Amino acid sequence: MTTPTENRASIGKEVRDYIMIFIAMMSYCIGWNIFLLPNNITTGGVPGISSVLFWGLGIPVQTSYFVINAVLLLIALRILGWKFCVKTIYAVLVLTVSTTYMSTHYDSHLLADQPFMAAIIGAAFCGCGVGIGLANNGSTGGTDIIAAIVNKYRDVSLGRVILICDVIIISSSYLVLKDWERVIYGYVVLYVTAFCIDRVVDSARRSVQFFIISDKYKEIGERINREPHRGCTIVDAQGFYSGKDVKMLFVLAKRRQSDMIFRIINEVDPHAFVSQSAVIGVYGEGFDHFKIRTKKG
């Protein structure tokens, strides 16, 4: 049975997710509609398909983007679950509405004579937008959904999956643009976008470990259990020089919880000995899930 405090924390996390997804879609909208689309530079995923359809057939990007994503979301619903899909639907709606507004109210053409800079800046906005969305259980849809499905079962970086899926989309833009230079800019967009996605997602998921030696280890452990809701392991240790038996707390936590843990330690025992280090991956309850290949037959 959940406590009122846990319920408030859960609601607060959900609200935070939706706020961050909104910010993510605004970032993507800026990169796509201000820097890439006006300069005839293709991005990846469904936005890339929508761009090609717009240049070739004149179909509004927001229309094709919404329709294609609606089909993909129906396919992904059972695999990724309602929680992911609801937030992705929200993200798709935000990006569709913002793109519609941008196409009707914004007619400026930035960096018209500097397509390479437009590609770099636009890709940075798009990549950060996708990364923030994925880190908060949402996405812009399209190949992001495919990447999320693969990442759920295999330990493959999200950016790499999206990069592979989008090469064909970027290459197909030559059929309507007839300009290999623009296609090359599209490849630049793919690389920068994938790089930004991995950096943002890895930063959000990064974990740290603490070794804490203190005579007040019980009080520190109880506070860490109660406030950041992280488990502690008591390790029997012995000082080599002093020969004194000591208790050492081993704690794994998200990087964003580091300040709270240091505050707890400082309030309980300012003279505690503390070691903090970053860890590459943490798997299990409260962290990431194992992603392993299973042999068939």
Protein backbone atom coordinates (compact mmCIF):
# COMPACT_ATOMS: atom_id res chain seq x y z
CA MET A 1 0.00 0.00 0.00
CA THR A 2 1.46 3.34 -1.03
CA THR A 3 1.74 6.22 1.42
CA PRO A 4 0.51 9.79 0.73
CA THR A 5 4.13 10.90 0.41
CA GLU A 6 4.84 8.23 -2.22
CA ASN A 7 1.66 9.17 -4.10
CA ARG A 8 2.71 12.83 -4.17
CA ALA A 9 6.18 11.84 -5.38
CA SER A 10 4.67 9.69 -8.14
CA ILE A 11 2.33 12.46 -9.27
CA GLY A 12 5.17 14.96 -9.16
CA LYS A 13 7.31 12.69 -11.36
CA GLU A 14 4.50 12.32 -13.90
CA VAL A 15 3.95 16.09 -14.04
CA ARG A 16 7.69 16.60 -14.46
CA ASP A 17 7.76 14.07 -17.31
CA TYR A 18 5.03 15.92 -19.21
CA ILE A 19 6.69 19.30 -18.68
CA MET A 20 10.05 17.95 -19.90
CA ILE A 21 8.42 16.27 -22.92
CA PHE A 22 6.77 19.60 -23.81
CA ILE A 23 10.18 21.33 -23.63
CA ALA A 24 11.69 18.51 -25.70
CA MET A 25 9.11 18.92 -28.46
CA MET A 26 9.62 22.68 -28.53
CA SER A 27 13.33 22.07 -29.03
CA TYR A 28 12.65 19.63 -31.84
CA CYS A 29 10.13 22.00 -33.44
CA ILE A 30 12.70 24.82 -33.50
CA GLY A 31 15.39 22.63 -35.04
CA TRP A 32 13.10 21.14 -37.69
CA ASN A 33 10.98 24.14 -38.70
CA ILE A 34 13.45 27.00 -38.36
CA PHE A 35 16.78 25.49 -39.41
CA LEU A 36 16.25 22.29 -41.41
CA LEU A 37 13.00 22.47 -43.36
CA PRO A 38 13.45 26.02 -44.82
CA ASN A 39 16.98 25.08 -45.96
CA ASN A 40 15.84 21.85 -47.67
CA ILE A 41 17.86 19.72 -45.28
CA THR A 42 16.39 16.32 -44.45
CA THR A 43 16.20 15.03 -40.92
CA GLY A 44 15.55 11.42 -39.95
CA GLY A 45 12.51 9.47 -38.86
CA VAL A 46 8.95 10.43 -39.65
CA PRO A 47 9.85 14.15 -39.82
CA GLY A 48 12.30 13.21 -42.58
CA ILE A 49 9.60 11.28 -44.46
CA SER A 50 7.24 14.22 -43.98
CA SER A 51 9.87 16.61 -45.33
CA VAL A 52 10.37 14.48 -48.46
CA LEU A 53 6.60 14.25 -49.02
CA PHE A 54 6.32 18.03 -48.58
CA TRP A 55 9.06 18.79 -51.11
CA GLY A 56 7.86 16.17 -53.59
CA LEU A 57 4.06 16.26 -53.28
CA GLY A 58 3.32 19.42 -51.33
CA ILE A 59 1.66 17.54 -48.45
CA PRO A 60 1.86 19.66 -45.24
CA VAL A 61 4.48 18.17 -42.93
CA GLN A 62 2.17 18.23 -39.91
CA THR A 63 -0.45 16.14 -41.75
CA SER A 64 1.83 13.33 -42.91
CA TYR A 65 3.73 13.39 -39.59
CA PHE A 66 0.54 12.87 -37.59
CA VAL A 67 -0.91 10.14 -39.84
CA ILE A 68 2.28 8.04 -40.03
CA ASN A 69 2.81 8.27 -36.27
CA ALA A 70 -0.78 7.26 -35.58
CA VAL A 71 -0.18 4.00 -37.47
CA LEU A 72 3.16 3.32 -35.75
CA LEU A 73 1.69 4.00 -32.31
CA LEU A 74 -1.06 1.47 -32.87
CA ILE A 75 1.60 -1.13 -33.73
CA ALA A 76 3.77 -0.21 -30.72
CA LEU A 77 0.95 -0.06 -28.19
CA ARG A 78 1.17 -3.67 -27.08
CA ILE A 79 4.98 -3.80 -27.06
CA LEU A 80 5.81 -0.59 -25.21
CA GLY A 81 2.67 -0.36 -23.09
CA TRP A 82 0.21 2.41 -22.36
CA LYS A 83 2.61 4.42 -20.20
CA PHE A 84 5.12 4.96 -23.01
CA CYS A 85 2.48 5.34 -25.74
CA VAL A 86 0.36 7.87 -23.85
CA LYS A 87 3.36 10.14 -23.39
CA THR A 88 4.42 9.58 -26.98
CA ILE A 89 0.92 10.46 -28.19
CA TYR A 90 1.17 13.62 -26.09
CA ALA A 91 4.57 14.39 -27.62
CA VAL A 92 3.28 13.80 -31.16
CA LEU A 93 0.30 16.11 -30.54
CA VAL A 94 2.53 18.84 -29.08
CA LEU A 95 4.92 18.65 -32.04
CA THR A 96 2.04 18.55 -34.56
CA VAL A 97 0.35 21.62 -33.06
CA SER A 98 3.61 23.55 -32.67
CA THR A 99 4.64 22.70 -36.24
CA THR A 100 1.24 23.85 -37.55
CA TYR A 101 1.59 27.11 -35.64
CA MET A 102 5.17 27.60 -36.83
CA SER A 103 4.29 26.98 -40.49
CA THR A 104 1.46 29.53 -40.43
CA HIS A 105 2.94 32.25 -38.21
CA TYR A 106 6.69 32.07 -38.83
CA ASP A 107 8.13 32.79 -42.27
CA SER A 108 11.75 33.70 -41.52
CA HIS A 109 14.58 31.86 -43.32
CA LEU A 110 17.61 31.70 -41.03
CA LEU A 111 21.11 30.84 -42.31
CA ALA A 112 19.92 30.67 -45.92
CA ASP A 113 23.50 31.15 -47.15
CA GLN A 114 25.06 28.84 -44.52
CA PRO A 115 23.39 25.43 -44.90
CA PHE A 116 26.14 23.62 -43.00
CA MET A 117 25.63 25.76 -39.90
CA ALA A 118 21.87 25.36 -40.29
CA ALA A 119 22.36 21.57 -40.35
CA ILE A 120 24.54 21.57 -37.21
CA ILE A 121 22.30 23.89 -35.17
CA GLY A 122 19.09 22.24 -36.33
CA ALA A 123 20.46 18.77 -35.55
CA ALA A 124 21.54 19.89 -32.07
CA PHE A 125 18.04 21.18 -31.31
CA CYS A 126 16.44 18.01 -32.71
CA GLY A 127 18.85 15.63 -30.98
CA CYS A 128 18.46 17.29 -27.61
CA GLY A 129 14.69 17.26 -28.05
CA VAL A 130 14.58 13.54 -28.84
CA GLY A 131 17.01 12.76 -26.00
CA ILE A 132 15.03 14.70 -23.40
CA GLY A 133 11.82 13.05 -24.61
CA LEU A 134 13.24 9.53 -24.39
CA ALA A 135 14.78 10.22 -20.97
CA ASN A 136 11.30 11.16 -19.72
CA ASN A 137 9.45 8.13 -21.17
CA GLY A 138 8.24 9.82 -24.33
CA SER A 139 9.43 10.34 -27.89
CA THR A 140 8.70 12.13 -31.15
CA GLY A 141 7.41 8.83 -32.53
CA GLY A 142 8.57 7.20 -35.76
CA THR A 143 12.04 5.65 -35.62
CA ASP A 144 12.23 6.71 -31.97
CA ILE A 145 9.52 4.09 -31.31
CA ILE A 146 11.52 1.48 -33.18
CA ALA A 147 14.65 2.45 -31.22
CA ALA A 148 12.75 2.25 -27.92
CA ILE A 149 11.51 -1.26 -28.80
CA VAL A 150 15.01 -2.47 -29.69
CA ASN A 151 16.54 -0.81 -26.61
CA LYS A 152 13.95 -2.52 -24.42
CA TYR A 153 15.26 -5.97 -25.35
CA ARG A 154 18.83 -5.36 -26.48
CA ASP A 155 21.69 -3.33 -25.06
CA VAL A 156 22.03 -1.18 -28.20
CA SER A 157 22.33 2.59 -27.97
CA LEU A 158 19.24 4.53 -28.98
CA GLY A 159 21.23 6.85 -31.23
CA ARG A 160 22.77 3.94 -33.16
CA VAL A 161 19.39 2.34 -33.88
CA ILE A 162 17.94 5.63 -35.07
CA LEU A 163 21.04 6.27 -37.20
CA ILE A 164 20.66 2.92 -39.01
CA CYS A 165 16.93 3.38 -39.56
CA ASP A 166 17.30 6.88 -40.95
CA VAL A 167 20.04 6.37 -43.57
CA ILE A 168 17.49 5.20 -46.16
CA ILE A 169 15.20 8.15 -45.41
CA ILE A 170 18.02 10.65 -45.84
CA SER A 171 19.20 9.02 -49.06
CA SER A 172 15.67 9.07 -50.51
CA SER A 173 15.60 12.87 -50.29
CA TYR A 174 17.74 12.94 -53.44
CA LEU A 175 14.72 11.70 -55.41
CA VAL A 176 12.96 15.04 -54.82
CA LEU A 177 15.81 17.49 -54.16
CA LYS A 178 18.16 16.24 -56.90
CA ASP A 179 21.04 17.66 -54.87
CA TRP A 180 23.67 15.41 -53.31
CA GLU A 181 25.02 18.33 -51.28
CA ARG A 182 21.71 18.52 -49.39
CA VAL A 183 21.81 14.76 -48.89
CA ILE A 184 25.28 15.07 -47.35
CA TYR A 185 23.97 17.78 -45.03
CA GLY A 186 21.26 15.30 -44.09
CA TYR A 187 23.93 12.75 -43.11
CA VAL A 188 25.57 15.43 -40.96
CA VAL A 189 22.20 16.01 -39.28
CA LEU A 190 21.91 12.27 -38.60
CA TYR A 191 25.31 12.05 -36.95
CA VAL A 192 24.91 15.15 -34.80
CA THR A 193 21.37 14.13 -33.81
CA ALA A 194 22.49 10.61 -32.80
CA PHE A 195 25.41 12.06 -30.83
CA CYS A 196 23.16 14.49 -28.94
CA ILE A 197 20.59 11.78 -28.20
CA ASP A 198 23.17 9.48 -26.62
CA ARG A 199 24.73 12.28 -24.58
CA VAL A 200 21.38 13.50 -23.22
CA VAL A 201 19.99 10.02 -22.46
CA ASP A 202 23.24 8.77 -20.90
CA SER A 203 23.43 11.89 -18.76
CA ALA A 204 19.87 11.39 -17.50
CA ARG A 205 20.45 7.72 -16.65
CA ARG A 206 23.94 8.03 -15.17
CA SER A 207 24.38 6.48 -11.75
CA VAL A 208 26.89 6.91 -8.94
CA GLN A 209 28.08 4.76 -6.06
CA PHE A 210 29.00 5.79 -2.53
CA PHE A 211 31.23 4.18 0.08
CA ILE A 212 30.47 5.80 3.44
CA ILE A 213 32.41 5.10 6.64
CA SER A 214 30.86 6.56 9.77
CA ASP A 215 30.09 5.63 13.37
CA LYS A 216 26.56 6.88 12.65
CA TYR A 217 26.07 4.55 9.71
CA LYS A 218 22.65 3.37 10.93
CA GLU A 219 21.20 6.87 11.03
CA ILE A 220 22.71 7.73 7.66
CA GLY A 221 21.36 4.51 6.13
CA GLU A 222 17.87 5.11 7.52
CA ARG A 223 17.82 8.65 6.10
CA ILE A 224 19.00 7.46 2.68
CA ASN A 225 16.32 4.73 2.70
CA ARG A 226 13.64 7.24 3.61
CA GLU A 227 14.44 10.36 1.57
CA PRO A 228 15.98 9.46 -1.80
CA HIS A 229 14.44 5.96 -1.40
CA ARG A 230 17.70 4.14 -2.06
CA GLY A 231 18.85 0.92 -0.49
CA CYS A 232 22.05 0.60 1.51
CA THR A 233 24.33 -2.37 2.05
CA ILE A 234 26.38 -2.63 5.26
CA VAL A 235 29.88 -3.96 4.69
CA ASP A 236 32.13 -5.12 7.53
CA ALA A 237 35.54 -3.51 7.09
CA GLN A 238 38.75 -2.95 9.01
CA GLY A 239 41.15 -0.03 8.97
CA PHE A 240 44.56 -1.31 7.88
CA TYR A 241 46.57 1.21 9.90
CA SER A 242 44.38 1.41 13.01
CA GLY A 243 43.17 -2.20 12.97
CA LYS A 244 39.75 -0.87 14.05
CA ASP A 245 36.62 -2.68 12.89
CA VAL A 246 34.27 -0.31 11.05
CA LYS A 247 30.95 -0.45 9.24
CA MET A 248 30.86 0.82 5.67
CA LEU A 249 27.70 1.73 3.75
CA PHE A 250 27.55 0.87 0.05
CA VAL A 251 24.95 2.93 -1.83
CA LEU A 252 23.95 3.09 -5.51
CA ALA A 253 21.91 6.09 -6.64
CA LYS A 254 21.04 8.24 -9.62
CA ARG A 255 23.45 11.10 -10.22
CA ARG A 256 20.72 13.68 -9.56
CA GLN A 257 20.36 12.25 -6.03
CA SER A 258 24.01 12.88 -5.13
CA ASP A 259 23.40 16.30 -3.59
CA MET A 260 20.64 14.93 -1.36
CA ILE A 261 22.87 12.09 -0.13
CA PHE A 262 25.75 14.46 0.61
CA ARG A 263 23.34 16.73 2.49
CA ILE A 264 22.14 13.80 4.60
CA ILE A 265 25.69 12.72 5.41
CA ASN A 266 26.69 16.27 6.33
CA GLU A 267 23.68 16.70 8.63
CA VAL A 268 24.21 13.37 10.43
CA ASP A 269 28.01 13.15 10.54
CA PRO A 270 30.09 15.95 8.97
CA HIS A 271 33.25 13.95 9.78
CA ALA A 272 32.21 10.84 7.82
CA PHE A 273 34.62 9.45 5.23
CA VAL A 274 32.89 9.35 1.82
CA SER A 275 33.97 8.10 -1.58
CA GLN A 276 31.83 8.79 -4.65
CA SER A 277 32.41 7.47 -8.17
CA ALA A 278 30.50 7.16 -11.43
CA VAL A 279 29.42 3.73 -12.65
CA ILE A 280 28.86 2.65 -16.24
CA GLY A 281 25.67 0.67 -15.66
CA VAL A 282 23.43 -0.39 -12.79
CA TYR A 283 20.82 -3.08 -13.34
CA GLY A 284 18.08 -4.30 -11.05
CA GLU A 285 15.18 -2.89 -9.08
CA GLY A 286 15.01 0.89 -9.28
CA PHE A 287 17.56 1.07 -12.12
CA ASP A 288 17.83 -0.33 -15.66
CA HIS A 289 16.70 -3.79 -16.72
CA PHE A 290 19.02 -6.50 -18.02
CA LYS A 291 19.29 -6.61 -21.80
CA ILE A 292 20.74 -9.94 -22.94
CA ARG A 293 20.62 -11.99 -26.07
CA THR A 294 18.79 -15.29 -25.76
CA LYS A 295 19.86 -18.22 -27.88
CA LYS A 296 17.11 -19.85 -29.88
CA GLY A 297 16.92 -23.54 -30.54
